[in-house]
């Protein structure tokens, strides 16, 4: 009998290593579908009941519908509400900008770089302009960011407190690696 966790990890690695091909229309969606399916099979293998796995099964089905060009209300946009700011910002974009904003704060507070230099460096890491990152950071500081962005910033702050003994330069390096990872996921 094989180890369910080892199988999950191997399947997640296989999903992450998928490459574009004629059979794959949307690589990100295909990778996500494979990873979600692997997680679902893992939960099944360790004995999680069907009723608790049902949300995964529904999401997998909805993603398969989309892959086969069938509409599925589970993955359709919600009702339109006039948003504040850019309503087209994706969650990964927000995660990148928040991470970069907090990295700028860490670099500035630790006197590693001036705020301007830190903005320039982190904008390059996430593939944006210094002015866009500066504006995002300004809005975040003034409380005009989304609730998700505020929560994400608070999470980075909590993580920094947890690793307060880690030198700022090392912590920023970890953040840059995370930023590069987020940028690669966007495709």
C-alpha atoms as a PDB file:
ATOM      1  CA  UNK A   1       0.000   0.000   0.000  1.00  0.00           C
ATOM      2  CA  UNK A   2       1.395   3.394  -0.967  1.00  0.00           C
ATOM      3  CA  UNK A   3       1.711   6.435   1.264  1.00  0.00           C
ATOM      4  CA  UNK A   4      -1.147   8.889   0.520  1.00  0.00           C
ATOM      5  CA  UNK A   5       0.939  11.934   1.464  1.00  0.00           C
ATOM      6  CA  UNK A   6       3.830  10.844  -0.764  1.00  0.00           C
ATOM      7  CA  UNK A   7       1.339  10.336  -3.614  1.00  0.00           C
ATOM      8  CA  UNK A   8      -0.131  13.799  -3.026  1.00  0.00           C
ATOM      9  CA  UNK A   9       3.278  15.457  -3.065  1.00  0.00           C
ATOM     10  CA  UNK A  10       4.272  13.602  -6.247  1.00  0.00           C
ATOM     11  CA  UNK A  11       0.998  14.563  -7.961  1.00  0.00           C
ATOM     12  CA  UNK A  12       1.362  18.208  -6.897  1.00  0.00           C
ATOM     13  CA  UNK A  13       4.885  18.228  -8.299  1.00  0.00           C
ATOM     14  CA  UNK A  14       3.608  16.637 -11.527  1.00  0.00           C
ATOM     15  CA  UNK A  15       0.913  19.331 -11.772  1.00  0.00           C
ATOM     16  CA  UNK A  16       3.440  22.107 -11.205  1.00  0.00           C
ATOM     17  CA  UNK A  17       5.708  20.643 -13.902  1.00  0.00           C
ATOM     18  CA  UNK A  18       3.026  20.597 -16.610  1.00  0.00           C
ATOM     19  CA  UNK A  19       4.171  22.393 -19.735  1.00  0.00           C
ATOM     20  CA  UNK A  20       2.163  24.122 -22.453  1.00  0.00           C
ATOM     21  CA  UNK A  21       0.992  21.779 -25.185  1.00  0.00           C
ATOM     22  CA  UNK A  22      -1.677  21.517 -27.864  1.00  0.00           C
ATOM     23  CA  UNK A  23      -3.870  19.633 -25.371  1.00  0.00           C
ATOM     24  CA  UNK A  24      -3.712  22.410 -22.775  1.00  0.00           C
ATOM     25  CA  UNK A  25      -5.662  25.553 -23.572  1.00  0.00           C
ATOM     26  CA  UNK A  26      -5.065  27.316 -20.256  1.00  0.00           C
ATOM     27  CA  UNK A  27      -1.964  26.121 -18.394  1.00  0.00           C
ATOM     28  CA  UNK A  28      -2.766  27.854 -15.098  1.00  0.00           C
ATOM     29  CA  UNK A  29      -6.264  26.391 -14.979  1.00  0.00           C
ATOM     30  CA  UNK A  30      -4.985  22.931 -15.920  1.00  0.00           C
ATOM     31  CA  UNK A  31      -2.297  23.035 -13.214  1.00  0.00           C
ATOM     32  CA  UNK A  32      -4.878  24.183 -10.648  1.00  0.00           C
ATOM     33  CA  UNK A  33      -7.311  21.462 -11.704  1.00  0.00           C
ATOM     34  CA  UNK A  34      -4.650  18.757 -11.428  1.00  0.00           C
ATOM     35  CA  UNK A  35      -3.553  20.026  -8.010  1.00  0.00           C
ATOM     36  CA  UNK A  36      -7.130  20.276  -6.732  1.00  0.00           C
ATOM     37  CA  UNK A  37      -7.890  16.778  -8.002  1.00  0.00           C
ATOM     38  CA  UNK A  38      -4.747  15.458  -6.277  1.00  0.00           C
ATOM     39  CA  UNK A  39      -5.809  17.074  -2.990  1.00  0.00           C
ATOM     40  CA  UNK A  40      -9.286  15.603  -3.342  1.00  0.00           C
ATOM     41  CA  UNK A  41      -7.876  12.106  -3.965  1.00  0.00           C
ATOM     42  CA  UNK A  42      -5.608  12.536  -0.934  1.00  0.00           C
ATOM     43  CA  UNK A  43      -8.548  13.461   1.288  1.00  0.00           C
ATOM     44  CA  UNK A  44     -10.397  10.416  -0.016  1.00  0.00           C
ATOM     45  CA  UNK A  45      -7.370   8.148   0.575  1.00  0.00           C
ATOM     46  CA  UNK A  46      -7.057   9.220   4.215  1.00  0.00           C
ATOM     47  CA  UNK A  47     -10.743   8.554   4.836  1.00  0.00           C
ATOM     48  CA  UNK A  48     -12.408  11.975   4.674  1.00  0.00           C
ATOM     49  CA  UNK A  49     -16.116  11.357   4.062  1.00  0.00           C
ATOM     50  CA  UNK A  50     -17.795  12.234   0.775  1.00  0.00           C
ATOM     51  CA  UNK A  51     -19.988  14.916   2.351  1.00  0.00           C
ATOM     52  CA  UNK A  52     -16.901  16.806   3.572  1.00  0.00           C
ATOM     53  CA  UNK A  53     -15.141  16.437   0.213  1.00  0.00           C
ATOM     54  CA  UNK A  54     -18.217  17.575  -1.714  1.00  0.00           C
ATOM     55  CA  UNK A  55     -17.057  21.207  -2.170  1.00  0.00           C
ATOM     56  CA  UNK A  56     -13.869  19.938  -3.819  1.00  0.00           C
ATOM     57  CA  UNK A  57     -15.873  17.666  -6.112  1.00  0.00           C
ATOM     58  CA  UNK A  58     -18.156  20.555  -7.092  1.00  0.00           C
ATOM     59  CA  UNK A  59     -15.201  22.842  -7.824  1.00  0.00           C
ATOM     60  CA  UNK A  60     -13.432  20.153  -9.851  1.00  0.00           C
ATOM     61  CA  UNK A  61     -16.625  19.607 -11.841  1.00  0.00           C
ATOM     62  CA  UNK A  62     -17.034  23.333 -12.434  1.00  0.00           C
ATOM     63  CA  UNK A  63     -13.441  23.642 -13.621  1.00  0.00           C
ATOM     64  CA  UNK A  64     -13.913  20.673 -15.946  1.00  0.00           C
ATOM     65  CA  UNK A  65     -17.048  22.351 -17.320  1.00  0.00           C
ATOM     66  CA  UNK A  66     -15.041  25.476 -18.081  1.00  0.00           C
ATOM     67  CA  UNK A  67     -12.311  23.372 -19.729  1.00  0.00           C
ATOM     68  CA  UNK A  68     -15.009  21.876 -21.982  1.00  0.00           C
ATOM     69  CA  UNK A  69     -16.477  25.319 -22.712  1.00  0.00           C
ATOM     70  CA  UNK A  70     -19.626  24.757 -20.680  1.00  0.00           C
ATOM     71  CA  UNK A  71     -20.843  27.558 -18.464  1.00  0.00           C
ATOM     72  CA  UNK A  72     -20.953  26.771 -14.771  1.00  0.00           C
ATOM     73  CA  UNK A  73     -22.521  29.267 -12.362  1.00  0.00           C
ATOM     74  CA  UNK A  74     -20.020  28.282  -9.683  1.00  0.00           C
ATOM     75  CA  UNK A  75     -17.230  29.972 -11.644  1.00  0.00           C
ATOM     76  CA  UNK A  76     -19.122  32.869 -13.149  1.00  0.00           C
ATOM     77  CA  UNK A  77     -18.479  36.402 -11.928  1.00  0.00           C
ATOM     78  CA  UNK A  78     -20.597  37.590  -9.057  1.00  0.00           C
ATOM     79  CA  UNK A  79     -23.124  40.391  -9.370  1.00  0.00           C
ATOM     80  CA  UNK A  80     -21.591  43.657 -10.421  1.00  0.00           C
ATOM     81  CA  UNK A  81     -21.170  46.176  -7.632  1.00  0.00           C
ATOM     82  CA  UNK A  82     -19.551  49.512  -8.362  1.00  0.00           C
ATOM     83  CA  UNK A  83     -16.141  48.995  -6.743  1.00  0.00           C
ATOM     84  CA  UNK A  84     -13.757  51.519  -5.309  1.00  0.00           C
ATOM     85  CA  UNK A  85     -10.644  51.765  -7.413  1.00  0.00           C
ATOM     86  CA  UNK A  86      -9.571  49.151  -9.930  1.00  0.00           C
ATOM     87  CA  UNK A  87     -12.166  46.391  -9.863  1.00  0.00           C
ATOM     88  CA  UNK A  88     -10.116  44.296 -12.254  1.00  0.00           C
ATOM     89  CA  UNK A  89      -7.262  43.652  -9.814  1.00  0.00           C
ATOM     90  CA  UNK A  90      -6.682  39.944  -9.436  1.00  0.00           C
ATOM     91  CA  UNK A  91      -5.934  38.371  -6.065  1.00  0.00           C
ATOM     92  CA  UNK A  92      -2.396  37.486  -7.121  1.00  0.00           C
ATOM     93  CA  UNK A  93      -1.802  41.102  -8.161  1.00  0.00           C
ATOM     94  CA  UNK A  94      -2.923  42.240  -4.720  1.00  0.00           C
ATOM     95  CA  UNK A  95      -0.698  39.650  -3.030  1.00  0.00           C
ATOM     96  CA  UNK A  96       2.297  40.830  -5.071  1.00  0.00           C
ATOM     97  CA  UNK A  97       1.713  44.507  -4.366  1.00  0.00           C
ATOM     98  CA  UNK A  98       1.174  43.923  -0.640  1.00  0.00           C
ATOM     99  CA  UNK A  99       4.310  41.805  -0.366  1.00  0.00           C
ATOM    100  CA  UNK A 100       6.336  44.398  -2.253  1.00  0.00           C
ATOM    101  CA  UNK A 101       4.888  47.214  -0.126  1.00  0.00           C
ATOM    102  CA  UNK A 102       5.838  45.475   3.080  1.00  0.00           C
ATOM    103  CA  UNK A 103       9.310  44.674   1.732  1.00  0.00           C
ATOM    104  CA  UNK A 104       9.763  48.402   1.053  1.00  0.00           C
ATOM    105  CA  UNK A 105       8.766  49.085   4.664  1.00  0.00           C
ATOM    106  CA  UNK A 106      11.241  46.516   5.995  1.00  0.00           C
ATOM    107  CA  UNK A 107      14.079  47.861   3.825  1.00  0.00           C
ATOM    108  CA  UNK A 108      13.328  51.457   4.774  1.00  0.00           C
ATOM    109  CA  UNK A 109      12.934  50.769   8.498  1.00  0.00           C
ATOM    110  CA  UNK A 110      16.177  48.770   8.569  1.00  0.00           C
ATOM    111  CA  UNK A 111      17.961  51.583   6.717  1.00  0.00           C
ATOM    112  CA  UNK A 112      18.948  49.089   4.015  1.00  0.00           C
ATOM    113  CA  UNK A 113      17.788  51.457   1.285  1.00  0.00           C
ATOM    114  CA  UNK A 114      15.931  54.695   0.929  1.00  0.00           C
ATOM    115  CA  UNK A 115      12.199  54.335   0.327  1.00  0.00           C
ATOM    116  CA  UNK A 116      12.700  55.443  -3.261  1.00  0.00           C
ATOM    117  CA  UNK A 117      15.434  52.858  -3.876  1.00  0.00           C
ATOM    118  CA  UNK A 118      13.365  50.129  -2.196  1.00  0.00           C
ATOM    119  CA  UNK A 119      10.334  51.028  -4.329  1.00  0.00           C
ATOM    120  CA  UNK A 120      12.451  50.804  -7.477  1.00  0.00           C
ATOM    121  CA  UNK A 121      13.869  47.426  -6.497  1.00  0.00           C
ATOM    122  CA  UNK A 122      10.559  45.856  -5.443  1.00  0.00           C
ATOM    123  CA  UNK A 123       8.719  47.223  -8.478  1.00  0.00           C
ATOM    124  CA  UNK A 124      11.260  45.345 -10.588  1.00  0.00           C
ATOM    125  CA  UNK A 125      10.691  42.151  -8.594  1.00  0.00           C
ATOM    126  CA  UNK A 126       6.940  42.141  -9.231  1.00  0.00           C
ATOM    127  CA  UNK A 127       7.051  43.590 -12.739  1.00  0.00           C
ATOM    128  CA  UNK A 128       5.398  46.951 -12.224  1.00  0.00           C
ATOM    129  CA  UNK A 129       6.457  50.578 -12.169  1.00  0.00           C
ATOM    130  CA  UNK A 130       7.793  52.389  -9.162  1.00  0.00           C
ATOM    131  CA  UNK A 131       4.950  54.923  -9.401  1.00  0.00           C
ATOM    132  CA  UNK A 132       2.252  52.217  -9.343  1.00  0.00           C
ATOM    133  CA  UNK A 133       3.838  50.541  -6.329  1.00  0.00           C
ATOM    134  CA  UNK A 134       4.229  53.919  -4.589  1.00  0.00           C
ATOM    135  CA  UNK A 135       0.535  54.717  -5.209  1.00  0.00           C
ATOM    136  CA  UNK A 136      -0.576  51.297  -3.947  1.00  0.00           C
ATOM    137  CA  UNK A 137       1.574  51.670  -0.833  1.00  0.00           C
ATOM    138  CA  UNK A 138       0.218  55.167  -0.232  1.00  0.00           C
ATOM    139  CA  UNK A 139      -3.386  53.931  -0.525  1.00  0.00           C
ATOM    140  CA  UNK A 140      -2.626  51.022   1.776  1.00  0.00           C
ATOM    141  CA  UNK A 141      -1.120  53.351   4.366  1.00  0.00           C
ATOM    142  CA  UNK A 142      -4.149  55.647   4.209  1.00  0.00           C
ATOM    143  CA  UNK A 143      -6.622  52.788   4.637  1.00  0.00           C
ATOM    144  CA  UNK A 144      -7.919  53.022   1.057  1.00  0.00           C
ATOM    145  CA  UNK A 145      -6.900  49.482   0.085  1.00  0.00           C
ATOM    146  CA  UNK A 146      -9.185  46.473  -0.135  1.00  0.00           C
ATOM    147  CA  UNK A 147      -9.895  44.423   2.958  1.00  0.00           C
ATOM    148  CA  UNK A 148      -7.869  41.598   1.391  1.00  0.00           C
ATOM    149  CA  UNK A 149      -4.879  43.885   0.988  1.00  0.00           C
ATOM    150  CA  UNK A 150      -5.155  45.113   4.572  1.00  0.00           C
ATOM    151  CA  UNK A 151      -5.367  41.530   5.888  1.00  0.00           C
ATOM    152  CA  UNK A 152      -2.428  40.439   3.747  1.00  0.00           C
ATOM    153  CA  UNK A 153      -0.316  43.380   4.978  1.00  0.00           C
ATOM    154  CA  UNK A 154      -1.184  42.531   8.591  1.00  0.00           C
ATOM    155  CA  UNK A 155      -0.184  38.915   7.920  1.00  0.00           C
ATOM    156  CA  UNK A 156       3.227  40.030   6.613  1.00  0.00           C
ATOM    157  CA  UNK A 157       3.663  42.231   9.683  1.00  0.00           C
ATOM    158  CA  UNK A 158       2.797  39.260  11.938  1.00  0.00           C
ATOM    159  CA  UNK A 159       5.237  37.046  10.051  1.00  0.00           C
ATOM    160  CA  UNK A 160       7.993  39.628  10.491  1.00  0.00           C
ATOM    161  CA  UNK A 161       7.293  39.781  14.232  1.00  0.00           C
ATOM    162  CA  UNK A 162       7.464  35.986  14.353  1.00  0.00           C
ATOM    163  CA  UNK A 163      10.894  36.097  12.691  1.00  0.00           C
ATOM    164  CA  UNK A 164      12.124  39.272  14.360  1.00  0.00           C
ATOM    165  CA  UNK A 165      15.572  37.758  14.933  1.00  0.00           C
ATOM    166  CA  UNK A 166      16.054  37.167  11.197  1.00  0.00           C
ATOM    167  CA  UNK A 167      18.162  39.938   9.674  1.00  0.00           C
ATOM    168  CA  UNK A 168      16.093  42.335   7.579  1.00  0.00           C
ATOM    169  CA  UNK A 169      18.141  41.596   4.449  1.00  0.00           C
ATOM    170  CA  UNK A 170      17.460  37.867   4.776  1.00  0.00           C
ATOM    171  CA  UNK A 171      13.746  38.471   5.415  1.00  0.00           C
ATOM    172  CA  UNK A 172      13.535  40.697   2.330  1.00  0.00           C
ATOM    173  CA  UNK A 173      15.291  38.007   0.275  1.00  0.00           C
ATOM    174  CA  UNK A 174      12.570  35.540   1.314  1.00  0.00           C
ATOM    175  CA  UNK A 175       9.947  38.124   0.358  1.00  0.00           C
ATOM    176  CA  UNK A 176      11.576  38.650  -3.050  1.00  0.00           C
ATOM    177  CA  UNK A 177      11.561  34.898  -3.664  1.00  0.00           C
ATOM    178  CA  UNK A 178       7.864  34.864  -2.746  1.00  0.00           C
ATOM    179  CA  UNK A 179       7.270  37.784  -5.102  1.00  0.00           C
ATOM    180  CA  UNK A 180       8.994  35.991  -7.963  1.00  0.00           C
ATOM    181  CA  UNK A 181       6.920  32.900  -7.228  1.00  0.00           C
ATOM    182  CA  UNK A 182       3.685  34.927  -7.268  1.00  0.00           C
ATOM    183  CA  UNK A 183       4.739  36.595 -10.510  1.00  0.00           C
ATOM    184  CA  UNK A 184       5.386  33.223 -12.155  1.00  0.00           C
ATOM    185  CA  UNK A 185       1.958  31.949 -11.049  1.00  0.00           C
ATOM    186  CA  UNK A 186       0.219  34.816 -12.847  1.00  0.00           C
ATOM    187  CA  UNK A 187       1.393  33.660 -16.238  1.00  0.00           C
END
